[in-house]
PDB file of N, CA and C in Angstrom:
ATOM      1  N   UNK A   1    -198.772  17.692 256.880  1.00  0.00           N
ATOM      2  CA  UNK A   1    -197.814  16.727 256.399  1.00  0.00           C
ATOM      3  C   UNK A   1    -198.539  15.401 256.204  1.00  0.00           C
ATOM      4  N   UNK A   2    -198.305  14.781 255.081  1.00  0.00           N
ATOM      5  CA  UNK A   2    -198.980  13.547 254.727  1.00  0.00           C
ATOM      6  C   UNK A   2    -198.076  12.348 254.999  1.00  0.00           C
ATOM      7  N   UNK A   3    -198.697  11.240 255.348  1.00  0.00           N
ATOM      8  CA  UNK A   3    -197.934  10.008 255.555  1.00  0.00           C
ATOM      9  C   UNK A   3    -197.646   9.324 254.223  1.00  0.00           C
ATOM     10  N   UNK A   4    -198.271   9.797 253.169  1.00  0.00           N
ATOM     11  CA  UNK A   4    -198.069   9.221 251.853  1.00  0.00           C
ATOM     12  C   UNK A   4    -196.750   9.726 251.267  1.00  0.00           C
ATOM     13  N   UNK A   5    -196.021   8.852 250.568  1.00  0.00           N
ATOM     14  CA  UNK A   5    -194.763   9.296 249.960  1.00  0.00           C
ATOM     15  C   UNK A   5    -195.036  10.253 248.800  1.00  0.00           C
ATOM     16  N   UNK A   6    -194.124  11.162 248.617  1.00  0.00           N
ATOM     17  CA  UNK A   6    -194.214  12.057 247.478  1.00  0.00           C
ATOM     18  C   UNK A   6    -193.767  11.286 246.248  1.00  0.00           C
ATOM     19  N   UNK A   7    -194.499  11.423 245.185  1.00  0.00           N
ATOM     20  CA  UNK A   7    -194.144  10.747 243.939  1.00  0.00           C
ATOM     21  C   UNK A   7    -193.797  11.783 242.898  1.00  0.00           C
ATOM     22  N   UNK A   8    -192.736  11.514 242.193  1.00  0.00           N
ATOM     23  CA  UNK A   8    -192.358  12.404 241.101  1.00  0.00           C
ATOM     24  C   UNK A   8    -193.339  12.197 239.955  1.00  0.00           C
ATOM     25  N   UNK A   9    -193.605  13.247 239.197  1.00  0.00           N
ATOM     26  CA  UNK A   9    -194.495  13.082 238.047  1.00  0.00           C
ATOM     27  C   UNK A   9    -193.835  12.162 237.018  1.00  0.00           C
ATOM     28  N   UNK A  10    -194.643  11.487 236.206  1.00  0.00           N
ATOM     29  CA  UNK A  10    -194.044  10.594 235.216  1.00  0.00           C
ATOM     30  C   UNK A  10    -193.154  11.368 234.243  1.00  0.00           C
ATOM     31  N   UNK A  11    -192.101  10.698 233.806  1.00  0.00           N
ATOM     32  CA  UNK A  11    -191.184  11.325 232.859  1.00  0.00           C
ATOM     33  C   UNK A  11    -191.876  11.471 231.511  1.00  0.00           C
ATOM     34  N   UNK A  12    -191.722  12.620 230.869  1.00  0.00           N
ATOM     35  CA  UNK A  12    -192.280  12.743 229.528  1.00  0.00           C
ATOM     36  C   UNK A  12    -191.528  11.817 228.573  1.00  0.00           C
ATOM     37  N   UNK A  13    -192.253  11.207 227.679  1.00  0.00           N
ATOM     38  CA  UNK A  13    -191.675  10.317 226.669  1.00  0.00           C
ATOM     39  C   UNK A  13    -191.000   9.093 227.263  1.00  0.00           C
ATOM     40  N   UNK A  14    -191.383   8.710 228.468  1.00  0.00           N
ATOM     41  CA  UNK A  14    -190.814   7.500 229.058  1.00  0.00           C
ATOM     42  C   UNK A  14    -191.387   6.280 228.348  1.00  0.00           C
ATOM     43  N   UNK A  15    -190.559   5.280 228.094  1.00  0.00           N
ATOM     44  CA  UNK A  15    -191.074   4.065 227.460  1.00  0.00           C
ATOM     45  C   UNK A  15    -192.097   3.369 228.349  1.00  0.00           C
ATOM     46  N   UNK A  16    -192.971   2.610 227.742  1.00  0.00           N
ATOM     47  CA  UNK A  16    -193.959   1.840 228.495  1.00  0.00           C
ATOM     48  C   UNK A  16    -193.241   0.818 229.378  1.00  0.00           C
ATOM     49  N   UNK A  17    -193.842   0.428 230.488  1.00  0.00           N
ATOM     50  CA  UNK A  17    -193.181  -0.522 231.386  1.00  0.00           C
ATOM     51  C   UNK A  17    -192.774  -1.834 230.711  1.00  0.00           C
ATOM     52  N   UNK A  18    -193.531  -2.302 229.744  1.00  0.00           N
ATOM     53  CA  UNK A  18    -193.202  -3.555 229.070  1.00  0.00           C
ATOM     54  C   UNK A  18    -192.272  -3.394 227.883  1.00  0.00           C
ATOM     55  N   UNK A  19    -191.845  -2.171 227.602  1.00  0.00           N
ATOM     56  CA  UNK A  19    -191.022  -1.903 226.419  1.00  0.00           C
ATOM     57  C   UNK A  19    -189.717  -2.689 226.381  1.00  0.00           C
ATOM     58  N   UNK A  20    -188.978  -2.819 227.479  1.00  0.00           N
ATOM     59  CA  UNK A  20    -187.728  -3.586 227.407  1.00  0.00           C
ATOM     60  C   UNK A  20    -187.940  -5.045 227.005  1.00  0.00           C
ATOM     61  N   UNK A  21    -188.967  -5.683 227.545  1.00  0.00           N
ATOM     62  CA  UNK A  21    -189.238  -7.088 227.201  1.00  0.00           C
ATOM     63  C   UNK A  21    -189.681  -7.212 225.749  1.00  0.00           C
ATOM     64  N   UNK A  22    -190.527  -6.293 225.292  1.00  0.00           N
ATOM     65  CA  UNK A  22    -190.970  -6.314 223.897  1.00  0.00           C
ATOM     66  C   UNK A  22    -189.788  -6.084 222.960  1.00  0.00           C
ATOM     67  N   UNK A  23    -188.930  -5.160 223.329  1.00  0.00           N
ATOM     68  CA  UNK A  23    -187.759  -4.861 222.520  1.00  0.00           C
ATOM     69  C   UNK A  23    -186.818  -6.067 222.454  1.00  0.00           C
ATOM     70  N   UNK A  24    -186.584  -6.710 223.585  1.00  0.00           N
ATOM     71  CA  UNK A  24    -185.718  -7.896 223.609  1.00  0.00           C
ATOM     72  C   UNK A  24    -186.298  -8.985 222.702  1.00  0.00           C
ATOM     73  N   UNK A  25    -187.603  -9.192 222.737  1.00  0.00           N
ATOM     74  CA  UNK A  25    -188.240 -10.191 221.868  1.00  0.00           C
ATOM     75  C   UNK A  25    -188.077  -9.807 220.397  1.00  0.00           C
ATOM     76  N   UNK A  26    -188.217  -8.521 220.102  1.00  0.00           N
ATOM     77  CA  UNK A  26    -188.031  -8.040 218.732  1.00  0.00           C
ATOM     78  C   UNK A  26    -186.598  -8.266 218.266  1.00  0.00           C
ATOM     79  N   UNK A  27    -185.639  -7.985 219.124  1.00  0.00           N
ATOM     80  CA  UNK A  27    -184.236  -8.181 218.769  1.00  0.00           C
ATOM     81  C   UNK A  27    -183.918  -9.659 218.574  1.00  0.00           C
ATOM     82  N   UNK A  28    -184.494 -10.517 219.397  1.00  0.00           N
ATOM     83  CA  UNK A  28    -184.255 -11.964 219.260  1.00  0.00           C
ATOM     84  C   UNK A  28    -184.809 -12.517 217.950  1.00  0.00           C
ATOM     85  N   UNK A  29    -185.862 -11.880 217.431  1.00  0.00           N
ATOM     86  CA  UNK A  29    -186.474 -12.333 216.182  1.00  0.00           C
ATOM     87  C   UNK A  29    -185.750 -11.788 214.951  1.00  0.00           C
ATOM     88  N   UNK A  30    -184.878 -10.829 215.140  1.00  0.00           N
ATOM     89  CA  UNK A  30    -184.171 -10.197 214.026  1.00  0.00           C
ATOM     90  C   UNK A  30    -183.009 -11.064 213.561  1.00  0.00           C
ATOM     91  N   UNK A  31    -182.642 -10.920 212.301  1.00  0.00           N
ATOM     92  CA  UNK A  31    -181.517 -11.697 211.761  1.00  0.00           C
ATOM     93  C   UNK A  31    -180.190 -11.308 212.410  1.00  0.00           C
ATOM     94  N   UNK A  32    -180.145 -10.161 213.055  1.00  0.00           N
ATOM     95  CA  UNK A  32    -178.930  -9.695 213.728  1.00  0.00           C
ATOM     96  C   UNK A  32    -178.884 -10.123 215.194  1.00  0.00           C
ATOM     97  N   UNK A  33    -179.769 -11.013 215.588  1.00  0.00           N
ATOM     98  CA  UNK A  33    -179.922 -11.393 217.002  1.00  0.00           C
ATOM     99  C   UNK A  33    -178.617 -11.834 217.639  1.00  0.00           C
ATOM    100  N   UNK A  34    -177.771 -12.508 216.884  1.00  0.00           N
ATOM    101  CA  UNK A  34    -176.523 -13.026 217.439  1.00  0.00           C
ATOM    102  C   UNK A  34    -175.631 -11.913 217.998  1.00  0.00           C
ATOM    103  N   UNK A  35    -175.655 -10.755 217.375  1.00  0.00           N
ATOM    104  CA  UNK A  35    -174.841  -9.635 217.863  1.00  0.00           C
ATOM    105  C   UNK A  35    -175.669  -8.623 218.644  1.00  0.00           C
ATOM    106  N   UNK A  36    -176.919  -8.420 218.221  1.00  0.00           N
ATOM    107  CA  UNK A  36    -177.728  -7.388 218.860  1.00  0.00           C
ATOM    108  C   UNK A  36    -178.189  -7.748 220.261  1.00  0.00           C
ATOM    109  N   UNK A  37    -178.612  -8.976 220.484  1.00  0.00           N
ATOM    110  CA  UNK A  37    -179.128  -9.348 221.808  1.00  0.00           C
ATOM    111  C   UNK A  37    -178.049  -9.216 222.879  1.00  0.00           C
ATOM    112  N   UNK A  38    -176.837  -9.755 222.669  1.00  0.00           N
ATOM    113  CA  UNK A  38    -175.805  -9.554 223.697  1.00  0.00           C
ATOM    114  C   UNK A  38    -175.457  -8.071 223.910  1.00  0.00           C
ATOM    115  N   UNK A  39    -175.456  -7.295 222.836  1.00  0.00           N
ATOM    116  CA  UNK A  39    -175.149  -5.865 222.968  1.00  0.00           C
ATOM    117  C   UNK A  39    -176.247  -5.154 223.756  1.00  0.00           C
ATOM    118  N   UNK A  40    -177.512  -5.476 223.467  1.00  0.00           N
ATOM    119  CA  UNK A  40    -178.619  -4.873 224.218  1.00  0.00           C
ATOM    120  C   UNK A  40    -178.526  -5.266 225.689  1.00  0.00           C
ATOM    121  N   UNK A  41    -178.281  -6.544 225.954  1.00  0.00           N
ATOM    122  CA  UNK A  41    -178.211  -6.995 227.345  1.00  0.00           C
ATOM    123  C   UNK A  41    -177.042  -6.364 228.091  1.00  0.00           C
ATOM    124  N   UNK A  42    -175.928  -6.143 227.392  1.00  0.00           N
ATOM    125  CA  UNK A  42    -174.789  -5.452 228.010  1.00  0.00           C
ATOM    126  C   UNK A  42    -175.178  -4.007 228.341  1.00  0.00           C
ATOM    127  N   UNK A  43    -175.808  -3.320 227.376  1.00  0.00           N
ATOM    128  CA  UNK A  43    -176.231  -1.935 227.614  1.00  0.00           C
ATOM    129  C   UNK A  43    -177.260  -1.865 228.738  1.00  0.00           C
ATOM    130  N   UNK A  44    -178.188  -2.826 228.762  1.00  0.00           N
ATOM    131  CA  UNK A  44    -179.233  -2.854 229.789  1.00  0.00           C
ATOM    132  C   UNK A  44    -178.621  -3.075 231.173  1.00  0.00           C
ATOM    133  N   UNK A  45    -177.673  -4.002 231.272  1.00  0.00           N
ATOM    134  CA  UNK A  45    -177.019  -4.268 232.564  1.00  0.00           C
ATOM    135  C   UNK A  45    -176.282  -3.029 233.065  1.00  0.00           C
ATOM    136  N   UNK A  46    -175.595  -2.341 232.170  1.00  0.00           N
ATOM    137  CA  UNK A  46    -174.889  -1.108 232.547  1.00  0.00           C
ATOM    138  C   UNK A  46    -175.890  -0.049 233.008  1.00  0.00           C
ATOM    139  N   UNK A  47    -176.997   0.080 232.277  1.00  0.00           N
ATOM    140  CA  UNK A  47    -178.016   1.067 232.645  1.00  0.00           C
ATOM    141  C   UNK A  47    -178.642   0.727 234.002  1.00  0.00           C
ATOM    142  N   UNK A  48    -178.857  -0.557 234.267  1.00  0.00           N
ATOM    143  CA  UNK A  48    -179.382  -0.960 235.580  1.00  0.00           C
ATOM    144  C   UNK A  48    -178.431  -0.550 236.701  1.00  0.00           C
ATOM    145  N   UNK A  49    -177.153  -0.791 236.472  1.00  0.00           N
ATOM    146  CA  UNK A  49    -176.158  -0.412 237.479  1.00  0.00           C
ATOM    147  C   UNK A  49    -176.134   1.104 237.679  1.00  0.00           C
ATOM    148  N   UNK A  50    -176.172   1.841 236.572  1.00  0.00           N
ATOM    149  CA  UNK A  50    -176.211   3.306 236.663  1.00  0.00           C
ATOM    150  C   UNK A  50    -177.462   3.776 237.396  1.00  0.00           C
ATOM    151  N   UNK A  51    -178.605   3.144 237.110  1.00  0.00           N
ATOM    152  CA  UNK A  51    -179.858   3.521 237.759  1.00  0.00           C
ATOM    153  C   UNK A  51    -179.795   3.257 239.261  1.00  0.00           C
ATOM    154  N   UNK A  52    -179.152   2.180 239.639  1.00  0.00           N
ATOM    155  CA  UNK A  52    -179.010   1.876 241.077  1.00  0.00           C
ATOM    156  C   UNK A  52    -178.198   2.945 241.795  1.00  0.00           C
ATOM    157  N   UNK A  53    -177.181   3.446 241.121  1.00  0.00           N
ATOM    158  CA  UNK A  53    -176.315   4.447 241.749  1.00  0.00           C
ATOM    159  C   UNK A  53    -176.929   5.842 241.746  1.00  0.00           C
ATOM    160  N   UNK A  54    -177.725   6.144 240.730  1.00  0.00           N
ATOM    161  CA  UNK A  54    -178.276   7.496 240.607  1.00  0.00           C
ATOM    162  C   UNK A  54    -179.712   7.606 241.085  1.00  0.00           C
ATOM    163  N   UNK A  55    -180.351   6.455 241.365  1.00  0.00           N
ATOM    164  CA  UNK A  55    -181.771   6.439 241.748  1.00  0.00           C
ATOM    165  C   UNK A  55    -182.627   7.106 240.680  1.00  0.00           C
ATOM    166  N   UNK A  56    -182.271   6.892 239.424  1.00  0.00           N
ATOM    167  CA  UNK A  56    -182.986   7.482 238.294  1.00  0.00           C
ATOM    168  C   UNK A  56    -183.225   6.403 237.243  1.00  0.00           C
ATOM    169  N   UNK A  57    -184.380   6.451 236.618  1.00  0.00           N
ATOM    170  CA  UNK A  57    -184.691   5.515 235.544  1.00  0.00           C
ATOM    171  C   UNK A  57    -184.201   6.008 234.187  1.00  0.00           C
ATOM    172  N   UNK A  58    -183.656   7.191 234.141  1.00  0.00           N
ATOM    173  CA  UNK A  58    -183.210   7.775 232.877  1.00  0.00           C
ATOM    174  C   UNK A  58    -182.250   6.877 232.101  1.00  0.00           C
ATOM    175  N   UNK A  59    -181.233   6.275 232.721  1.00  0.00           N
ATOM    176  CA  UNK A  59    -180.344   5.407 231.938  1.00  0.00           C
ATOM    177  C   UNK A  59    -181.084   4.251 231.261  1.00  0.00           C
ATOM    178  N   UNK A  60    -182.070   3.694 231.944  1.00  0.00           N
ATOM    179  CA  UNK A  60    -182.854   2.604 231.367  1.00  0.00           C
ATOM    180  C   UNK A  60    -183.690   3.097 230.194  1.00  0.00           C
ATOM    181  N   UNK A  61    -184.302   4.253 230.360  1.00  0.00           N
ATOM    182  CA  UNK A  61    -185.106   4.829 229.284  1.00  0.00           C
ATOM    183  C   UNK A  61    -184.247   5.127 228.059  1.00  0.00           C
ATOM    184  N   UNK A  62    -183.035   5.606 228.295  1.00  0.00           N
ATOM    185  CA  UNK A  62    -182.140   5.920 227.174  1.00  0.00           C
ATOM    186  C   UNK A  62    -181.757   4.666 226.399  1.00  0.00           C
ATOM    187  N   UNK A  63    -181.496   3.577 227.101  1.00  0.00           N
ATOM    188  CA  UNK A  63    -181.147   2.320 226.423  1.00  0.00           C
ATOM    189  C   UNK A  63    -182.324   1.846 225.577  1.00  0.00           C
ATOM    190  N   UNK A  64    -183.519   1.873 226.136  1.00  0.00           N
ATOM    191  CA  UNK A  64    -184.697   1.428 225.386  1.00  0.00           C
ATOM    192  C   UNK A  64    -184.901   2.313 224.156  1.00  0.00           C
ATOM    193  N   UNK A  65    -184.847   3.629 224.335  1.00  0.00           N
ATOM    194  CA  UNK A  65    -185.049   4.539 223.193  1.00  0.00           C
ATOM    195  C   UNK A  65    -183.997   4.316 222.107  1.00  0.00           C
ATOM    196  N   UNK A  66    -182.741   4.199 222.505  1.00  0.00           N
ATOM    197  CA  UNK A  66    -181.659   4.004 221.538  1.00  0.00           C
ATOM    198  C   UNK A  66    -181.861   2.724 220.744  1.00  0.00           C
ATOM    199  N   UNK A  67    -182.179   1.632 221.429  1.00  0.00           N
ATOM    200  CA  UNK A  67    -182.349   0.354 220.736  1.00  0.00           C
ATOM    201  C   UNK A  67    -183.630   0.324 219.917  1.00  0.00           C
ATOM    202  N   UNK A  68    -184.667   1.018 220.362  1.00  0.00           N
ATOM    203  CA  UNK A  68    -185.876   1.119 219.538  1.00  0.00           C
ATOM    204  C   UNK A  68    -185.562   1.834 218.227  1.00  0.00           C
ATOM    205  N   UNK A  69    -184.775   2.888 218.308  1.00  0.00           N
ATOM    206  CA  UNK A  69    -184.394   3.627 217.099  1.00  0.00           C
ATOM    207  C   UNK A  69    -183.503   2.780 216.192  1.00  0.00           C
ATOM    208  N   UNK A  70    -182.577   2.036 216.773  1.00  0.00           N
ATOM    209  CA  UNK A  70    -181.723   1.150 215.970  1.00  0.00           C
ATOM    210  C   UNK A  70    -182.563   0.117 215.230  1.00  0.00           C
ATOM    211  N   UNK A  71    -183.478  -0.511 215.958  1.00  0.00           N
ATOM    212  CA  UNK A  71    -184.320  -1.539 215.345  1.00  0.00           C
ATOM    213  C   UNK A  71    -185.195  -0.936 214.243  1.00  0.00           C
ATOM    214  N   UNK A  72    -185.709   0.257 214.487  1.00  0.00           N
ATOM    215  CA  UNK A  72    -186.558   0.915 213.493  1.00  0.00           C
ATOM    216  C   UNK A  72    -185.766   1.301 212.246  1.00  0.00           C
ATOM    217  N   UNK A  73    -184.504   1.646 212.412  1.00  0.00           N
ATOM    218  CA  UNK A  73    -183.677   2.078 211.280  1.00  0.00           C
ATOM    219  C   UNK A  73    -183.047   0.908 210.528  1.00  0.00           C
ATOM    220  N   UNK A  74    -183.120  -0.284 211.067  1.00  0.00           N
ATOM    221  CA  UNK A  74    -182.440  -1.436 210.467  1.00  0.00           C
ATOM    222  C   UNK A  74    -182.885  -1.695 209.035  1.00  0.00           C
ATOM    223  N   UNK A  75    -184.162  -1.580 208.755  1.00  0.00           N
ATOM    224  CA  UNK A  75    -184.656  -1.800 207.400  1.00  0.00           C
ATOM    225  C   UNK A  75    -184.086  -0.802 206.406  1.00  0.00           C
ATOM    226  N   UNK A  76    -183.988   0.447 206.821  1.00  0.00           N
ATOM    227  CA  UNK A  76    -183.414   1.476 205.955  1.00  0.00           C
ATOM    228  C   UNK A  76    -181.931   1.225 205.719  1.00  0.00           C
ATOM    229  N   UNK A  77    -181.233   0.801 206.736  1.00  0.00           N
ATOM    230  CA  UNK A  77    -179.806   0.488 206.596  1.00  0.00           C
ATOM    231  C   UNK A  77    -179.627  -0.685 205.633  1.00  0.00           C
ATOM    232  N   UNK A  78    -180.467  -1.704 205.789  1.00  0.00           N
ATOM    233  CA  UNK A  78    -180.398  -2.853 204.884  1.00  0.00           C
ATOM    234  C   UNK A  78    -180.644  -2.429 203.436  1.00  0.00           C
ATOM    235  N   UNK A  79    -181.655  -1.594 203.232  1.00  0.00           N
ATOM    236  CA  UNK A  79    -181.962  -1.127 201.877  1.00  0.00           C
ATOM    237  C   UNK A  79    -180.795  -0.337 201.310  1.00  0.00           C
ATOM    238  N   UNK A  80    -180.171   0.483 202.120  1.00  0.00           N
ATOM    239  CA  UNK A  80    -179.017   1.267 201.693  1.00  0.00           C
ATOM    240  C   UNK A  80    -177.878   0.347 201.267  1.00  0.00           C
ATOM    241  N   UNK A  81    -177.595  -0.644 202.087  1.00  0.00           N
ATOM    242  CA  UNK A  81    -176.498  -1.562 201.789  1.00  0.00           C
ATOM    243  C   UNK A  81    -176.824  -2.433 200.568  1.00  0.00           C
ATOM    244  N   UNK A  82    -178.071  -2.893 200.474  1.00  0.00           N
ATOM    245  CA  UNK A  82    -178.475  -3.735 199.347  1.00  0.00           C
ATOM    246  C   UNK A  82    -178.440  -2.975 198.025  1.00  0.00           C
ATOM    247  N   UNK A  83    -178.599  -1.659 198.089  1.00  0.00           N
ATOM    248  CA  UNK A  83    -178.584  -0.837 196.880  1.00  0.00           C
ATOM    249  C   UNK A  83    -177.157  -0.560 196.412  1.00  0.00           C
ATOM    250  N   UNK A  84    -176.170  -1.047 197.169  1.00  0.00           N
ATOM    251  CA  UNK A  84    -174.780  -0.851 196.779  1.00  0.00           C
ATOM    252  C   UNK A  84    -174.282   0.565 197.007  1.00  0.00           C
ATOM    253  N   UNK A  85    -174.899   1.264 197.927  1.00  0.00           N
ATOM    254  CA  UNK A  85    -174.488   2.637 198.217  1.00  0.00           C
ATOM    255  C   UNK A  85    -173.100   2.642 198.856  1.00  0.00           C
ATOM    256  N   UNK A  86    -172.393   3.734 198.633  1.00  0.00           N
ATOM    257  CA  UNK A  86    -171.054   3.892 199.194  1.00  0.00           C
ATOM    258  C   UNK A  86    -171.181   4.179 200.688  1.00  0.00           C
ATOM    259  N   UNK A  87    -170.638   3.305 201.496  1.00  0.00           N
ATOM    260  CA  UNK A  87    -170.694   3.505 202.937  1.00  0.00           C
ATOM    261  C   UNK A  87    -169.310   3.759 203.529  1.00  0.00           C
ATOM    262  N   UNK A  88    -168.396   4.257 202.706  1.00  0.00           N
ATOM    263  CA  UNK A  88    -167.030   4.463 203.171  1.00  0.00           C
ATOM    264  C   UNK A  88    -166.905   5.670 204.097  1.00  0.00           C
ATOM    265  N   UNK A  89    -167.849   6.593 204.036  1.00  0.00           N
ATOM    266  CA  UNK A  89    -167.822   7.745 204.948  1.00  0.00           C
ATOM    267  C   UNK A  89    -168.526   7.358 206.242  1.00  0.00           C
ATOM    268  N   UNK A  90    -167.873   7.607 207.360  1.00  0.00           N
ATOM    269  CA  UNK A  90    -168.440   7.293 208.663  1.00  0.00           C
ATOM    270  C   UNK A  90    -169.478   8.339 209.024  1.00  0.00           C
ATOM    271  N   UNK A  91    -170.583   7.882 209.605  1.00  0.00           N
ATOM    272  CA  UNK A  91    -171.621   8.777 210.070  1.00  0.00           C
ATOM    273  C   UNK A  91    -171.978   8.374 211.495  1.00  0.00           C
ATOM    274  N   UNK A  92    -171.835   9.284 212.420  1.00  0.00           N
ATOM    275  CA  UNK A  92    -172.118   9.015 213.813  1.00  0.00           C
ATOM    276  C   UNK A  92    -173.618   8.824 214.019  1.00  0.00           C
ATOM    277  N   UNK A  93    -173.998   7.811 214.805  1.00  0.00           N
ATOM    278  CA  UNK A  93    -175.400   7.523 215.064  1.00  0.00           C
ATOM    279  C   UNK A  93    -176.110   8.721 215.685  1.00  0.00           C
ATOM    280  N   UNK A  94    -175.424   9.474 216.544  1.00  0.00           N
ATOM    281  CA  UNK A  94    -176.030  10.652 217.152  1.00  0.00           C
ATOM    282  C   UNK A  94    -176.354  11.723 216.113  1.00  0.00           C
ATOM    283  N   UNK A  95    -175.580  11.781 215.037  1.00  0.00           N
ATOM    284  CA  UNK A  95    -175.872  12.739 213.973  1.00  0.00           C
ATOM    285  C   UNK A  95    -177.156  12.370 213.241  1.00  0.00           C
ATOM    286  N   UNK A  96    -177.417  11.088 213.151  1.00  0.00           N
ATOM    287  CA  UNK A  96    -178.605  10.617 212.451  1.00  0.00           C
ATOM    288  C   UNK A  96    -179.824  10.690 213.345  1.00  0.00           C
ATOM    289  N   UNK A  97    -179.702  10.187 214.564  1.00  0.00           N
ATOM    290  CA  UNK A  97    -180.847  10.070 215.469  1.00  0.00           C
ATOM    291  C   UNK A  97    -181.026  11.290 216.366  1.00  0.00           C
ATOM    292  N   UNK A  98    -180.025  12.119 216.451  1.00  0.00           N
ATOM    293  CA  UNK A  98    -180.097  13.268 217.345  1.00  0.00           C
ATOM    294  C   UNK A  98    -179.558  12.923 218.714  1.00  0.00           C
ATOM    295  N   UNK A  99    -179.145  13.926 219.411  1.00  0.00           N
ATOM    296  CA  UNK A  99    -178.600  13.721 220.763  1.00  0.00           C
ATOM    297  C   UNK A  99    -179.722  13.284 221.683  1.00  0.00           C
ATOM    298  N   UNK A 100    -179.399  12.355 222.558  1.00  0.00           N
ATOM    299  CA  UNK A 100    -180.367  11.896 223.541  1.00  0.00           C
ATOM    300  C   UNK A 100    -180.294  12.809 224.751  1.00  0.00           C
ATOM    301  N   UNK A 101    -181.456  12.986 225.394  1.00  0.00           N
ATOM    302  CA  UNK A 101    -181.480  13.867 226.575  1.00  0.00           C
ATOM    303  C   UNK A 101    -180.653  13.346 227.720  1.00  0.00           C
TER     304      UNK A 101
END
């Protein structure tokens, strides 16, 4: 028996430790910052609370991944809207990005 604590192996596809701060800076620089930053911070606060209760970093990783995908897709959404495409049909974000683990 070892006196050293057992450590779980790193999660596959886990965001880098600095990813939340980098993402927040990216969102603050975006033209949508007025709505996106408060929404990200709300999601992050909820994920922190969930992580405290579950002792898992998964909720935090999910928030980072979701917002990274949103930020990455923003240019395509802008191009779609600028092209005058019909956006009257609703499309669920999970259908576009896939279900999160």
